[in-house]
Amino acid sequence: MSASPGFIEYVRELLAPLGDLEEGMFFGGFAFKRGSKQFAMIMGNTLYFCVNDQTRPRYQSMGMKSFSYKTKRGRVEVKKYFSIPEELFENQDKLIEWANEAIESAHSY
């Protein structure tokens, strides 16, 4: 599922307070990086943040899903990236807070 150009621009505007970010396309998706570490990605119209063992439980407790894709051998779950709660799109300060946490998570790998 390709990343929607309109949604990429929307997320780019929301993440603007983070300053200059590296970004780019990959396998139909779109990546946001800080210091060469990918902390967020967009697939279709879904924004995923990087998580680690400390942050993953919060996403899971809120019912957020890990990024997954289908292969000939079945579904693959990428537990390093989880979708974010929709309400973060309504609260930029909170979104930036979670994005900073995702940056920290990305740098913990």
N, C-alpha and C. Protein backbone atom coordinates (compact mmCIF):
# COMPACT_ATOMS: atom_id res chain seq x y z
N MET A 1 0.85 -1.18 0.00
CA MET A 1 0.00 0.00 0.00
C MET A 1 0.89 1.24 0.00
N SER A 2 0.77 2.04 -1.00
CA SER A 2 1.60 3.23 -1.15
C SER A 2 1.20 4.32 -0.16
N ALA A 3 2.19 5.12 0.21
CA ALA A 3 1.92 6.25 1.08
C ALA A 3 1.20 7.33 0.29
N SER A 4 0.14 7.86 0.83
CA SER A 4 -0.65 8.89 0.18
C SER A 4 0.11 10.23 0.24
N PRO A 5 0.35 10.88 -0.93
CA PRO A 5 1.07 12.16 -0.93
C PRO A 5 0.41 13.23 -0.05
N GLY A 6 -0.92 13.28 -0.05
CA GLY A 6 -1.61 14.26 0.78
C GLY A 6 -1.41 14.00 2.26
N PHE A 7 -1.43 12.74 2.64
CA PHE A 7 -1.24 12.39 4.05
C PHE A 7 0.21 12.64 4.46
N ILE A 8 1.16 12.37 3.57
CA ILE A 8 2.57 12.66 3.86
C ILE A 8 2.74 14.14 4.17
N GLU A 9 2.16 15.00 3.35
CA GLU A 9 2.27 16.44 3.55
C GLU A 9 1.62 16.86 4.87
N TYR A 10 0.48 16.29 5.19
CA TYR A 10 -0.22 16.58 6.45
C TYR A 10 0.67 16.22 7.64
N VAL A 11 1.24 15.04 7.63
CA VAL A 11 2.11 14.59 8.73
C VAL A 11 3.37 15.45 8.77
N ARG A 12 3.93 15.79 7.64
CA ARG A 12 5.11 16.64 7.58
C ARG A 12 4.84 17.97 8.30
N GLU A 13 3.67 18.55 8.07
CA GLU A 13 3.30 19.81 8.72
C GLU A 13 3.15 19.62 10.23
N LEU A 14 2.55 18.50 10.64
CA LEU A 14 2.38 18.25 12.07
C LEU A 14 3.71 18.04 12.78
N LEU A 15 4.67 17.44 12.08
CA LEU A 15 5.98 17.17 12.69
C LEU A 15 6.96 18.33 12.53
N ALA A 16 6.55 19.42 11.90
CA ALA A 16 7.43 20.57 11.66
C ALA A 16 8.13 21.08 12.92
N PRO A 17 7.48 21.09 14.10
CA PRO A 17 8.18 21.57 15.30
C PRO A 17 9.43 20.75 15.66
N LEU A 18 9.59 19.58 15.10
CA LEU A 18 10.78 18.78 15.38
C LEU A 18 12.01 19.32 14.64
N GLY A 19 11.81 20.25 13.74
CA GLY A 19 12.93 20.80 12.97
C GLY A 19 13.20 19.97 11.74
N ASP A 20 14.40 20.14 11.19
CA ASP A 20 14.76 19.43 9.97
C ASP A 20 14.85 17.93 10.22
N LEU A 21 14.12 17.20 9.42
CA LEU A 21 14.14 15.75 9.47
C LEU A 21 14.59 15.21 8.13
N GLU A 22 15.26 14.09 8.16
CA GLU A 22 15.54 13.39 6.91
C GLU A 22 14.29 12.61 6.57
N GLU A 23 14.01 12.49 5.29
CA GLU A 23 12.81 11.76 4.88
C GLU A 23 13.02 11.16 3.51
N GLY A 24 12.20 10.18 3.20
CA GLY A 24 12.31 9.58 1.89
C GLY A 24 11.39 8.40 1.70
N MET A 25 11.27 7.98 0.46
CA MET A 25 10.41 6.87 0.08
C MET A 25 11.14 5.54 0.26
N PHE A 26 10.36 4.48 0.54
CA PHE A 26 10.92 3.13 0.57
C PHE A 26 9.79 2.13 0.37
N PHE A 27 9.94 1.21 -0.53
CA PHE A 27 8.97 0.13 -0.77
C PHE A 27 7.51 0.60 -0.73
N GLY A 28 7.24 1.75 -1.30
CA GLY A 28 5.87 2.26 -1.33
C GLY A 28 5.49 3.07 -0.10
N GLY A 29 6.35 3.06 0.90
CA GLY A 29 6.09 3.82 2.12
C GLY A 29 6.92 5.08 2.16
N PHE A 30 6.81 5.80 3.26
CA PHE A 30 7.53 7.04 3.44
C PHE A 30 8.13 7.05 4.83
N ALA A 31 9.40 7.41 4.95
CA ALA A 31 10.12 7.37 6.23
C ALA A 31 10.49 8.77 6.71
N PHE A 32 10.43 8.95 8.03
CA PHE A 32 10.95 10.13 8.69
C PHE A 32 12.10 9.67 9.57
N LYS A 33 13.24 10.39 9.46
CA LYS A 33 14.44 10.00 10.21
C LYS A 33 15.00 11.20 10.96
N ARG A 34 15.66 10.87 12.05
CA ARG A 34 16.45 11.86 12.81
C ARG A 34 17.80 11.21 13.06
N GLY A 35 18.86 11.87 12.58
CA GLY A 35 20.19 11.33 12.77
C GLY A 35 20.36 9.95 12.14
N SER A 36 19.86 9.76 10.97
CA SER A 36 19.93 8.52 10.18
C SER A 36 19.12 7.36 10.76
N LYS A 37 18.41 7.58 11.85
CA LYS A 37 17.56 6.54 12.44
C LYS A 37 16.10 6.81 12.10
N GLN A 38 15.46 5.85 11.49
CA GLN A 38 14.04 5.99 11.14
C GLN A 38 13.21 5.86 12.41
N PHE A 39 12.38 6.87 12.68
CA PHE A 39 11.53 6.84 13.86
C PHE A 39 10.05 6.79 13.52
N ALA A 40 9.72 7.03 12.27
CA ALA A 40 8.31 7.02 11.86
C ALA A 40 8.23 6.61 10.40
N MET A 41 7.07 6.04 10.06
CA MET A 41 6.84 5.70 8.66
C MET A 41 5.35 5.80 8.37
N ILE A 42 5.08 6.05 7.11
CA ILE A 42 3.70 6.11 6.63
C ILE A 42 3.54 5.02 5.58
N MET A 43 2.50 4.24 5.76
CA MET A 43 2.08 3.27 4.76
C MET A 43 0.60 3.54 4.53
N GLY A 44 0.22 3.83 3.29
CA GLY A 44 -1.16 4.21 3.01
C GLY A 44 -1.47 5.51 3.73
N ASN A 45 -2.49 5.48 4.53
CA ASN A 45 -2.86 6.64 5.35
C ASN A 45 -2.70 6.33 6.83
N THR A 46 -1.67 5.56 7.16
CA THR A 46 -1.41 5.21 8.55
C THR A 46 0.00 5.65 8.92
N LEU A 47 0.10 6.33 10.06
CA LEU A 47 1.38 6.75 10.60
C LEU A 47 1.78 5.77 11.69
N TYR A 48 2.99 5.27 11.57
CA TYR A 48 3.55 4.33 12.55
C TYR A 48 4.75 4.99 13.22
N PHE A 49 4.86 4.81 14.53
CA PHE A 49 6.02 5.29 15.27
C PHE A 49 6.84 4.10 15.72
N CYS A 50 8.15 4.31 15.83
CA CYS A 50 9.06 3.30 16.34
C CYS A 50 8.82 3.13 17.84
N VAL A 51 8.81 1.89 18.29
CA VAL A 51 8.65 1.58 19.71
C VAL A 51 9.80 0.69 20.15
N ASN A 52 9.96 0.56 21.46
CA ASN A 52 10.91 -0.39 22.01
C ASN A 52 10.21 -1.15 23.14
N ASP A 53 10.95 -1.94 23.86
CA ASP A 53 10.33 -2.76 24.91
C ASP A 53 9.65 -1.93 26.00
N GLN A 54 10.13 -0.71 26.22
CA GLN A 54 9.53 0.14 27.25
C GLN A 54 8.27 0.84 26.76
N THR A 55 8.22 1.21 25.49
CA THR A 55 7.08 1.99 24.99
C THR A 55 6.00 1.12 24.33
N ARG A 56 6.36 -0.06 23.85
CA ARG A 56 5.40 -0.93 23.16
C ARG A 56 4.14 -1.22 23.98
N PRO A 57 4.26 -1.53 25.30
CA PRO A 57 3.05 -1.85 26.07
C PRO A 57 1.97 -0.76 26.06
N ARG A 58 2.38 0.50 26.03
CA ARG A 58 1.38 1.58 25.99
C ARG A 58 0.58 1.52 24.69
N TYR A 59 1.26 1.32 23.58
CA TYR A 59 0.58 1.21 22.29
C TYR A 59 -0.38 0.01 22.31
N GLN A 60 0.12 -1.11 22.80
CA GLN A 60 -0.71 -2.32 22.84
C GLN A 60 -1.93 -2.13 23.74
N SER A 61 -1.73 -1.48 24.89
CA SER A 61 -2.86 -1.29 25.82
C SER A 61 -3.93 -0.38 25.24
N MET A 62 -3.54 0.46 24.26
CA MET A 62 -4.49 1.36 23.61
C MET A 62 -5.10 0.73 22.35
N GLY A 63 -4.73 -0.53 22.09
CA GLY A 63 -5.30 -1.23 20.94
C GLY A 63 -4.63 -0.91 19.62
N MET A 64 -3.47 -0.27 19.66
CA MET A 64 -2.76 0.05 18.43
C MET A 64 -2.14 -1.22 17.86
N LYS A 65 -2.00 -1.26 16.56
CA LYS A 65 -1.52 -2.45 15.86
C LYS A 65 -0.11 -2.23 15.33
N SER A 66 0.66 -3.30 15.34
CA SER A 66 2.00 -3.23 14.75
C SER A 66 1.87 -3.23 13.23
N PHE A 67 2.88 -2.68 12.58
CA PHE A 67 2.91 -2.73 11.13
C PHE A 67 3.02 -4.19 10.70
N SER A 68 2.28 -4.57 9.69
CA SER A 68 2.37 -5.94 9.19
C SER A 68 2.18 -5.95 7.68
N TYR A 69 2.66 -7.00 7.08
CA TYR A 69 2.49 -7.17 5.65
C TYR A 69 2.39 -8.65 5.34
N LYS A 70 1.82 -8.94 4.20
CA LYS A 70 1.55 -10.31 3.81
C LYS A 70 2.64 -10.80 2.85
N THR A 71 3.07 -12.04 3.07
CA THR A 71 4.01 -12.69 2.16
C THR A 71 3.39 -14.01 1.72
N LYS A 72 4.07 -14.72 0.85
CA LYS A 72 3.59 -16.03 0.42
C LYS A 72 3.52 -17.00 1.58
N ARG A 73 4.33 -16.78 2.59
CA ARG A 73 4.37 -17.67 3.76
C ARG A 73 3.47 -17.21 4.90
N GLY A 74 2.74 -16.14 4.69
CA GLY A 74 1.84 -15.64 5.73
C GLY A 74 2.12 -14.20 6.10
N ARG A 75 1.47 -13.76 7.14
CA ARG A 75 1.59 -12.37 7.59
C ARG A 75 2.82 -12.20 8.47
N VAL A 76 3.55 -11.10 8.23
CA VAL A 76 4.73 -10.75 9.01
C VAL A 76 4.39 -9.51 9.83
N GLU A 77 4.60 -9.58 11.14
CA GLU A 77 4.38 -8.43 12.01
C GLU A 77 5.71 -7.80 12.35
N VAL A 78 5.79 -6.50 12.19
CA VAL A 78 7.00 -5.75 12.51
C VAL A 78 6.73 -5.03 13.82
N LYS A 79 7.12 -5.64 14.92
CA LYS A 79 6.79 -5.12 16.25
C LYS A 79 7.59 -3.89 16.65
N LYS A 80 8.44 -3.41 15.74
CA LYS A 80 9.21 -2.21 16.00
C LYS A 80 8.40 -0.95 15.67
N TYR A 81 7.34 -1.10 14.88
CA TYR A 81 6.50 0.04 14.47
C TYR A 81 5.04 -0.23 14.79
N PHE A 82 4.42 0.72 15.48
CA PHE A 82 3.01 0.62 15.82
C PHE A 82 2.27 1.86 15.32
N SER A 83 1.03 1.65 14.91
CA SER A 83 0.18 2.78 14.51
C SER A 83 -0.04 3.67 15.74
N ILE A 84 -0.29 4.94 15.49
CA ILE A 84 -0.49 5.86 16.60
C ILE A 84 -1.98 6.09 16.81
N PRO A 85 -2.36 6.46 18.03
CA PRO A 85 -3.78 6.76 18.29
C PRO A 85 -4.26 7.96 17.47
N GLU A 86 -5.45 7.86 16.93
CA GLU A 86 -6.02 8.92 16.09
C GLU A 86 -6.08 10.27 16.81
N GLU A 87 -6.31 10.25 18.12
CA GLU A 87 -6.45 11.52 18.84
C GLU A 87 -5.17 12.35 18.83
N LEU A 88 -4.03 11.75 18.52
CA LEU A 88 -2.79 12.53 18.44
C LEU A 88 -2.82 13.52 17.28
N PHE A 89 -3.61 13.21 16.25
CA PHE A 89 -3.73 14.13 15.12
C PHE A 89 -4.49 15.40 15.51
N GLU A 90 -5.21 15.34 16.61
CA GLU A 90 -5.98 16.48 17.10
C GLU A 90 -5.19 17.33 18.09
N ASN A 91 -4.03 16.82 18.54
CA ASN A 91 -3.25 17.49 19.57
C ASN A 91 -1.78 17.46 19.16
N GLN A 92 -1.33 18.50 18.46
CA GLN A 92 0.03 18.52 17.93
C GLN A 92 1.08 18.42 19.03
N ASP A 93 0.86 19.06 20.17
CA ASP A 93 1.84 18.99 21.26
C ASP A 93 2.04 17.54 21.71
N LYS A 94 0.94 16.83 21.84
CA LYS A 94 1.00 15.43 22.26
C LYS A 94 1.66 14.58 21.17
N LEU A 95 1.34 14.87 19.91
CA LEU A 95 1.96 14.15 18.80
C LEU A 95 3.47 14.33 18.82
N ILE A 96 3.92 15.56 19.06
CA ILE A 96 5.36 15.84 19.11
C ILE A 96 5.99 15.11 20.30
N GLU A 97 5.30 15.05 21.41
CA GLU A 97 5.79 14.32 22.57
C GLU A 97 6.00 12.84 22.22
N TRP A 98 5.02 12.24 21.56
CA TRP A 98 5.12 10.84 21.17
C TRP A 98 6.20 10.66 20.09
N ALA A 99 6.34 11.63 19.19
CA ALA A 99 7.37 11.55 18.16
C ALA A 99 8.76 11.59 18.79
N ASN A 100 8.95 12.45 19.78
CA ASN A 100 10.24 12.49 20.47
C ASN A 100 10.54 11.16 21.16
N GLU A 101 9.52 10.56 21.72
CA GLU A 101 9.68 9.24 22.33
C GLU A 101 10.05 8.20 21.26
N ALA A 102 9.44 8.32 20.08
CA ALA A 102 9.76 7.40 18.98
C ALA A 102 11.20 7.60 18.51
N ILE A 103 11.67 8.84 18.51
CA ILE A 103 13.06 9.12 18.16
C ILE A 103 13.99 8.44 19.16
N GLU A 104 13.68 8.58 20.44
CA GLU A 104 14.48 7.90 21.48
C GLU A 104 14.44 6.39 21.29
N SER A 105 13.28 5.85 20.98
CA SER A 105 13.14 4.40 20.75
C SER A 105 14.01 3.96 19.59
N ALA A 106 13.98 4.73 18.50
CA ALA A 106 14.76 4.38 17.31
C ALA A 106 16.25 4.36 17.63
N HIS A 107 16.69 5.27 18.48
CA HIS A 107 18.11 5.35 18.82
C HIS A 107 18.50 4.30 19.87
N SER A 108 17.52 3.58 20.42
CA SER A 108 17.84 2.54 21.40
C SER A 108 18.16 1.20 20.75
N TYR A 109 17.98 1.12 19.42
CA TYR A 109 18.28 -0.14 18.72
C TYR A 109 19.72 -0.15 18.25
